[in-house]
Amino acid sequence: MDKKPQHPGASRPSFNGASRPQGAGSPRPQGSTGPRPAGSGGSRPGGFSGPRPGGFSGPRPAGAGGSRPGGFSGPRPSGPRPPMHGPRMPRKEEPYAINERIRAKEVRVVGDNVENGIYPIQQALKMADEMELDLIEISPTAQPPVCKILDYSKFLYQQKKRLKEQRAKATKVVVKEIRFGPQTDDHDYNFKLKHAQSFLQEGSKVKAYVFFKGRSILFKEQGEVLLLRFANDLEELGKVEQMPVLEGKRMIIMISPKKRPTA
């Protein structure tokens, strides 16, 4: 079998700078280590040539500030930074106006350590300052407003203490209900009367009513007489707070306990 003739001078392509593929650009001199001349159009590592991907070529624009986290590039947005936390809660207002917060031109000053009377606001403030205390507006709706010269923190403590004592003394009103029929017999009446007496003695109110069922509404006058008799039998322990009144199918009377005399 005949062998193909080999042409003299033929050689395999080499990438050592002796010869380069077509379109790769002008070869660099062998052994050169300096920067590539501008516009040389040489190949990029990996065999890529031409402009950079993404259409970016040339220097980064001014103000870019380097790469940003999250893959964002370009200049940072201008303007104030957004707040790191949510909106602040409004400051709780003081329950009383004090010192320079008092807007009245003149006030009535009362108290134990001052001469009671009406003073211009500047004079009243001067009086409080000389005593190293606060001018407190305790009645802003009066004409003129009423003020006291006291230590403000001590005044608030006394107000909270007084309110706490009032709540402790306040008792919940308990209402006990007693139901009658329009034709209640004496035995049932006396049984419920004893219950009402015990309720009033313990300080509870009694709500007695006559319930009219069906055609028994025709006996409403009889129900009213029954309730008035009931209130009369409880006269020593309670007083009538509401006279008999018809509400729907019920006629109601309210009896509240009498205050016991203090020893």
Protein backbone atom coordinates (compact mmCIF):
# COMPACT_ATOMS: atom_id res chain seq x y z
CA MET A 1 0.00 0.00 0.00
CA ASP A 2 1.39 3.36 -1.09
CA LYS A 3 2.00 5.98 1.58
CA LYS A 4 0.87 9.52 1.10
CA PRO A 5 3.71 11.82 0.24
CA GLN A 6 4.66 14.19 2.93
CA HIS A 7 5.20 17.76 1.90
CA PRO A 8 8.39 19.21 3.04
CA GLY A 9 8.06 21.91 5.70
CA ALA A 10 4.66 20.74 6.92
CA SER A 11 4.25 20.85 10.66
CA ARG A 12 1.45 20.37 13.26
CA PRO A 13 -0.11 23.50 14.72
CA SER A 14 1.45 24.60 17.96
CA PHE A 15 0.28 27.05 20.62
CA ASN A 16 3.69 28.05 21.84
CA GLY A 17 3.52 31.36 20.04
CA ALA A 18 4.99 30.10 16.77
CA SER A 19 1.65 29.91 15.04
CA ARG A 20 -1.92 30.70 16.30
CA PRO A 21 -5.37 29.77 15.04
CA GLN A 22 -7.09 32.06 12.62
CA GLY A 23 -8.87 34.93 14.33
CA ALA A 24 -6.97 34.58 17.58
CA GLY A 25 -5.24 37.91 17.12
CA SER A 26 -1.63 38.84 16.61
CA PRO A 27 0.90 36.63 18.37
CA ARG A 28 2.82 37.97 21.34
CA PRO A 29 6.61 37.83 21.12
CA GLN A 30 7.98 34.76 22.79
CA GLY A 31 9.23 35.43 26.29
CA SER A 32 7.38 38.76 26.72
CA THR A 33 6.15 39.34 30.27
CA GLY A 34 4.82 42.91 30.14
CA PRO A 35 1.21 44.00 29.84
CA ARG A 36 -0.62 43.38 26.61
CA PRO A 37 -0.72 46.44 24.38
CA ALA A 38 -4.03 48.27 24.26
CA GLY A 39 -6.23 47.15 21.38
CA SER A 40 -4.17 44.05 20.69
CA GLY A 41 -7.35 41.95 20.64
CA GLY A 42 -5.55 38.94 22.09
CA SER A 43 -7.35 35.85 23.28
CA ARG A 44 -8.63 35.47 26.88
CA PRO A 45 -7.81 32.46 29.04
CA GLY A 46 -9.77 29.36 28.10
CA GLY A 47 -9.90 30.24 24.46
CA PHE A 48 -12.48 33.08 24.83
CA SER A 49 -12.01 36.24 22.88
CA GLY A 50 -14.00 39.36 22.25
CA PRO A 51 -15.84 41.60 24.75
CA ARG A 52 -16.61 40.55 28.33
CA PRO A 53 -19.90 38.74 28.92
CA GLY A 54 -22.89 40.84 29.90
CA GLY A 55 -21.87 43.71 27.67
CA PHE A 56 -19.46 45.21 30.22
CA SER A 57 -16.15 46.25 28.83
CA GLY A 58 -13.77 48.83 29.99
CA PRO A 59 -13.40 50.28 33.50
CA ARG A 60 -16.15 50.08 36.19
CA PRO A 61 -18.16 53.32 36.44
CA ALA A 62 -17.28 55.75 39.21
CA GLY A 63 -19.14 55.29 42.47
CA ALA A 64 -19.73 51.58 41.96
CA GLY A 65 -17.95 50.84 45.22
CA GLY A 66 -16.98 47.29 44.37
CA SER A 67 -19.21 44.25 44.36
CA ARG A 68 -22.34 44.25 46.57
CA PRO A 69 -23.73 41.23 48.42
CA GLY A 70 -26.59 39.34 46.83
CA GLY A 71 -25.30 39.70 43.30
CA PHE A 72 -26.26 43.39 42.91
CA SER A 73 -23.93 45.70 41.06
CA GLY A 74 -23.94 49.34 40.21
CA PRO A 75 -24.05 52.46 42.40
CA ARG A 76 -25.75 52.30 45.81
CA PRO A 77 -29.06 54.15 46.14
CA SER A 78 -28.79 57.67 47.49
CA GLY A 79 -30.90 59.25 50.22
CA PRO A 80 -31.47 58.52 53.92
CA ARG A 81 -31.35 54.93 55.11
CA PRO A 82 -34.68 53.38 56.17
CA PRO A 83 -35.22 52.98 59.93
CA MET A 84 -33.95 49.74 61.42
CA HIS A 85 -36.92 49.40 63.77
CA GLY A 86 -40.64 50.12 63.63
CA PRO A 87 -42.22 53.45 64.60
CA ARG A 88 -41.71 54.54 68.18
CA MET A 89 -44.65 54.40 70.52
CA PRO A 90 -45.97 57.84 71.52
CA ARG A 91 -44.83 58.99 74.92
CA LYS A 92 -47.43 58.59 77.62
CA GLU A 93 -48.82 61.93 78.64
CA GLU A 94 -48.80 63.02 82.26
CA PRO A 95 -52.21 62.93 83.96
CA TYR A 96 -51.73 66.46 85.30
CA ALA A 97 -50.24 69.62 83.84
CA ILE A 98 -47.33 70.87 85.92
CA ASN A 99 -45.10 73.96 85.99
CA GLU A 100 -44.47 75.40 82.51
CA ARG A 101 -47.07 73.07 80.94
CA ILE A 102 -49.88 75.02 82.60
CA ARG A 103 -51.35 77.29 79.89
CA ALA A 104 -53.61 79.50 82.00
CA LYS A 105 -52.62 83.13 82.52
CA GLU A 106 -53.69 83.06 86.17
CA VAL A 107 -54.44 80.25 88.62
CA ARG A 108 -56.01 79.75 92.01
CA VAL A 109 -53.39 78.39 94.42
CA VAL A 110 -54.66 76.30 97.35
CA GLY A 111 -52.88 74.33 100.03
CA ASP A 112 -51.69 74.33 103.60
CA ASN A 113 -48.28 75.99 103.24
CA VAL A 114 -49.29 78.88 100.98
CA GLU A 115 -51.67 81.82 101.12
CA ASN A 116 -54.71 80.77 99.13
CA GLY A 117 -55.69 83.11 96.35
CA ILE A 118 -55.55 83.91 92.64
CA TYR A 119 -52.08 84.62 91.26
CA PRO A 120 -50.60 85.28 87.81
CA ILE A 121 -49.02 82.10 86.48
CA GLN A 122 -45.49 83.54 86.61
CA GLN A 123 -45.90 84.48 90.28
CA ALA A 124 -47.31 81.04 91.11
CA LEU A 125 -44.37 79.38 89.34
CA LYS A 126 -41.97 81.58 91.31
CA MET A 127 -43.64 80.57 94.58
CA ALA A 128 -43.27 76.87 93.72
CA ASP A 129 -39.65 77.38 92.68
CA GLU A 130 -38.78 79.13 95.94
CA MET A 131 -40.21 76.17 97.86
CA GLU A 132 -38.38 73.72 95.55
CA LEU A 133 -41.69 72.07 94.71
CA ASP A 134 -43.96 71.74 91.66
CA LEU A 135 -47.02 73.70 90.64
CA ILE A 136 -49.68 71.05 89.85
CA GLU A 137 -52.94 71.83 88.05
CA ILE A 138 -55.49 69.68 89.89
CA SER A 139 -58.68 71.21 88.44
CA PRO A 140 -58.13 72.47 84.88
CA THR A 141 -61.84 73.10 84.14
CA ALA A 142 -62.32 75.60 86.98
CA GLN A 143 -62.27 79.33 86.34
CA PRO A 144 -59.45 80.03 86.99
CA PRO A 145 -57.78 76.59 87.17
CA VAL A 146 -56.96 75.32 90.66
CA CYS A 147 -53.34 74.44 91.44
CA LYS A 148 -51.41 73.05 94.37
CA ILE A 149 -47.74 73.42 95.26
CA LEU A 150 -46.48 69.92 96.04
CA ASP A 151 -43.80 67.43 95.10
CA TYR A 152 -45.18 65.89 91.89
CA SER A 153 -43.90 62.34 92.40
CA LYS A 154 -45.25 62.33 95.98
CA PHE A 155 -48.57 63.68 94.72
CA LEU A 156 -48.89 60.85 92.16
CA TYR A 157 -48.08 58.27 94.83
CA GLN A 158 -50.82 59.64 97.09
CA GLN A 159 -53.33 59.60 94.23
CA LYS A 160 -52.56 55.95 93.37
CA LYS A 161 -52.78 54.95 97.04
CA ARG A 162 -56.14 56.67 97.44
CA LEU A 163 -57.52 55.01 94.30
CA LYS A 164 -56.36 51.61 95.53
CA GLU A 165 -58.12 52.13 98.87
CA GLN A 166 -61.33 53.15 97.12
CA ARG A 167 -61.28 50.03 94.98
CA ALA A 168 -60.69 47.86 98.04
CA LYS A 169 -63.68 49.40 99.84
CA ALA A 170 -65.96 49.16 96.84
CA THR A 171 -68.13 46.05 97.06
CA LYS A 172 -69.76 44.34 94.13
CA VAL A 173 -73.53 44.62 94.14
CA VAL A 174 -75.14 41.16 94.13
CA VAL A 175 -78.73 40.86 92.91
CA LYS A 176 -80.79 37.85 94.00
CA GLU A 177 -83.94 36.98 92.06
CA ILE A 178 -87.15 35.59 93.51
CA ARG A 179 -89.89 34.40 91.22
CA PHE A 180 -93.60 34.30 91.99
CA GLY A 181 -96.65 33.14 90.10
CA PRO A 182 -99.79 35.28 89.93
CA GLN A 183 -101.56 32.83 92.25
CA THR A 184 -98.81 31.92 94.74
CA ASP A 185 -100.16 30.27 97.90
CA ASP A 186 -99.23 31.36 101.42
CA HIS A 187 -96.83 28.49 102.07
CA ASP A 188 -94.74 29.23 98.97
CA TYR A 189 -94.92 32.96 99.72
CA ASN A 190 -93.58 32.57 103.28
CA PHE A 191 -90.80 30.28 102.07
CA LYS A 192 -89.59 32.86 99.55
CA LEU A 193 -90.01 35.69 102.07
CA LYS A 194 -87.47 34.01 104.38
CA HIS A 195 -85.01 33.73 101.50
CA ALA A 196 -85.41 37.43 100.70
CA GLN A 197 -84.81 38.36 104.35
CA SER A 198 -81.52 36.42 104.39
CA PHE A 199 -80.46 38.02 101.10
CA LEU A 200 -81.03 41.54 102.43
CA GLN A 201 -79.22 40.75 105.67
CA GLU A 202 -76.10 39.71 103.76
CA GLY A 203 -76.19 42.95 101.76
CA SER A 204 -77.62 41.73 98.45
CA LYS A 205 -80.39 43.35 96.46
CA VAL A 206 -83.61 41.46 95.86
CA LYS A 207 -85.28 41.43 92.46
CA ALA A 208 -88.73 39.93 92.90
CA TYR A 209 -91.00 39.40 89.93
CA VAL A 210 -94.28 37.76 88.99
CA PHE A 211 -94.15 35.75 85.78
CA PHE A 212 -97.34 35.68 83.72
CA LYS A 213 -97.68 32.62 81.53
CA GLY A 214 -100.24 32.54 78.74
CA ARG A 215 -103.64 33.94 79.68
CA SER A 216 -102.48 34.62 83.26
CA ILE A 217 -101.53 38.14 82.10
CA LEU A 218 -105.16 38.96 82.88
CA PHE A 219 -104.24 38.78 86.58
CA LYS A 220 -101.56 41.51 86.45
CA GLU A 221 -103.36 43.56 89.13
CA GLN A 222 -103.19 40.52 91.40
CA GLY A 223 -99.44 40.26 90.73
CA GLU A 224 -98.93 43.91 91.63
CA VAL A 225 -100.74 43.45 94.95
CA LEU A 226 -98.51 40.45 95.69
CA LEU A 227 -95.30 42.42 95.09
CA LEU A 228 -96.45 45.35 97.23
CA ARG A 229 -97.27 42.95 100.05
CA PHE A 230 -93.80 41.42 99.64
CA ALA A 231 -92.11 44.85 99.91
CA ASN A 232 -94.20 45.71 102.97
CA ASP A 233 -93.14 42.51 104.76
CA LEU A 234 -89.46 43.38 104.08
CA GLU A 235 -89.77 46.99 105.27
CA GLU A 236 -87.49 46.51 108.26
CA LEU A 237 -84.61 45.10 106.20
CA GLY A 238 -84.96 46.79 102.81
CA LYS A 239 -86.34 49.75 100.96
CA VAL A 240 -88.11 49.82 97.62
CA GLU A 241 -85.74 50.97 94.91
CA GLN A 242 -88.16 50.48 92.03
CA MET A 243 -91.94 50.16 92.25
CA PRO A 244 -93.66 47.28 90.41
CA VAL A 245 -93.36 47.74 86.65
CA LEU A 246 -94.48 45.42 83.86
CA GLU A 247 -91.73 44.36 81.44
CA GLY A 248 -93.03 41.93 78.86
CA LYS A 249 -94.45 38.95 80.74
CA ARG A 250 -92.85 39.92 84.06
CA MET A 251 -93.81 42.46 86.71
CA ILE A 252 -90.68 43.45 88.65
CA ILE A 253 -89.92 45.18 91.93
CA MET A 254 -86.39 46.05 93.22
CA ILE A 255 -85.60 46.10 96.96
CA SER A 256 -82.19 47.21 98.24
CA PRO A 257 -80.82 46.49 101.74
CA LYS A 258 -80.93 49.24 104.35
CA LYS A 259 -77.62 50.50 105.70
CA ARG A 260 -76.91 49.15 109.11
CA PRO A 261 -76.12 51.75 111.79
CA THR A 262 -72.44 51.87 112.64
CA ALA A 263 -71.53 51.08 116.24
